[in-house]
């Protein structure tokens, strides 16, 4: 069971890392264009990035716990 849990958590973490990288790159592109019209998008992406980082940290903690079992 622990192995299946670790695989599932690792897959979820991988998807969040992809999301995080996508948000970061989108923010870089928005900043590079200095487009003031995208302030709402920038705000939303920053919020998503913060939430995703917290989720990755939580999954990291769960994976660490599984490794000690």
Protein backbone atom coordinates (compact mmCIF):
# COMPACT_ATOMS: atom_id res chain seq x y z
CA UNK A 1 0.00 0.00 0.00
CA UNK A 2 2.78 2.46 0.89
CA UNK A 3 4.44 1.91 -2.50
CA UNK A 4 1.19 2.67 -4.33
CA UNK A 5 0.69 5.76 -2.17
CA UNK A 6 4.21 6.94 -2.94
CA UNK A 7 3.66 6.46 -6.67
CA UNK A 8 0.37 8.33 -6.55
CA UNK A 9 1.85 11.19 -4.53
CA UNK A 10 4.87 11.38 -6.83
CA UNK A 11 2.63 11.61 -9.89
CA UNK A 12 0.57 14.37 -8.27
CA UNK A 13 3.75 16.22 -7.28
CA UNK A 14 5.08 15.94 -10.84
CA UNK A 15 1.92 17.47 -12.25
CA UNK A 16 2.14 20.34 -9.75
CA UNK A 17 5.77 20.95 -10.72
CA UNK A 18 4.69 21.22 -14.37
CA UNK A 19 1.94 23.66 -13.38
CA UNK A 20 4.40 25.69 -11.31
CA UNK A 21 6.90 25.89 -14.17
CA UNK A 22 4.15 26.92 -16.59
CA UNK A 23 2.95 29.69 -14.29
CA UNK A 24 6.50 30.92 -13.71
CA UNK A 25 7.23 31.03 -17.44
CA UNK A 26 3.95 32.79 -18.16
CA UNK A 27 4.75 35.40 -15.52
CA UNK A 28 8.16 35.93 -17.10
CA UNK A 29 6.54 36.42 -20.51
CA UNK A 30 4.01 38.90 -19.12
CA UNK A 31 6.75 40.83 -17.35
CA UNK A 32 8.87 40.88 -20.50
CA UNK A 33 6.07 42.52 -22.46
CA UNK A 34 5.38 45.02 -19.66
CA UNK A 35 1.71 44.72 -20.51
CA UNK A 36 -0.29 46.65 -17.91
CA UNK A 37 -3.52 45.14 -19.20
CA UNK A 38 -2.53 41.78 -17.77
CA UNK A 39 -2.47 42.85 -14.13
CA UNK A 40 -5.41 40.56 -13.31
CA UNK A 41 -3.72 37.63 -14.99
CA UNK A 42 -0.46 38.40 -13.18
CA UNK A 43 -2.31 38.49 -9.86
CA UNK A 44 -4.08 35.20 -10.56
CA UNK A 45 -0.86 33.50 -11.64
CA UNK A 46 0.97 34.73 -8.55
CA UNK A 47 -1.82 33.35 -6.37
CA UNK A 48 -1.75 30.02 -8.23
CA UNK A 49 2.03 29.86 -7.90
CA UNK A 50 1.88 30.41 -4.15
CA UNK A 51 -0.83 27.80 -3.71
CA UNK A 52 1.00 25.30 -5.90
CA UNK A 53 4.23 25.77 -3.92
CA UNK A 54 2.32 25.04 -0.71
CA UNK A 55 0.79 21.92 -2.26
CA UNK A 56 4.21 20.69 -3.42
CA UNK A 57 5.58 21.22 0.09
CA UNK A 58 2.67 19.26 1.55
CA UNK A 59 3.25 16.39 -0.88
CA UNK A 60 6.97 16.44 -0.10
CA UNK A 61 6.14 16.06 3.58
CA UNK A 62 3.78 13.14 2.88
CA UNK A 63 6.45 11.44 0.77
CA UNK A 64 9.00 11.89 3.55
CA UNK A 65 6.56 10.30 6.00
CA UNK A 66 6.05 7.32 3.69
CA UNK A 67 9.79 6.77 3.42
CA UNK A 68 10.04 6.39 7.18
CA UNK A 69 7.44 3.63 7.27
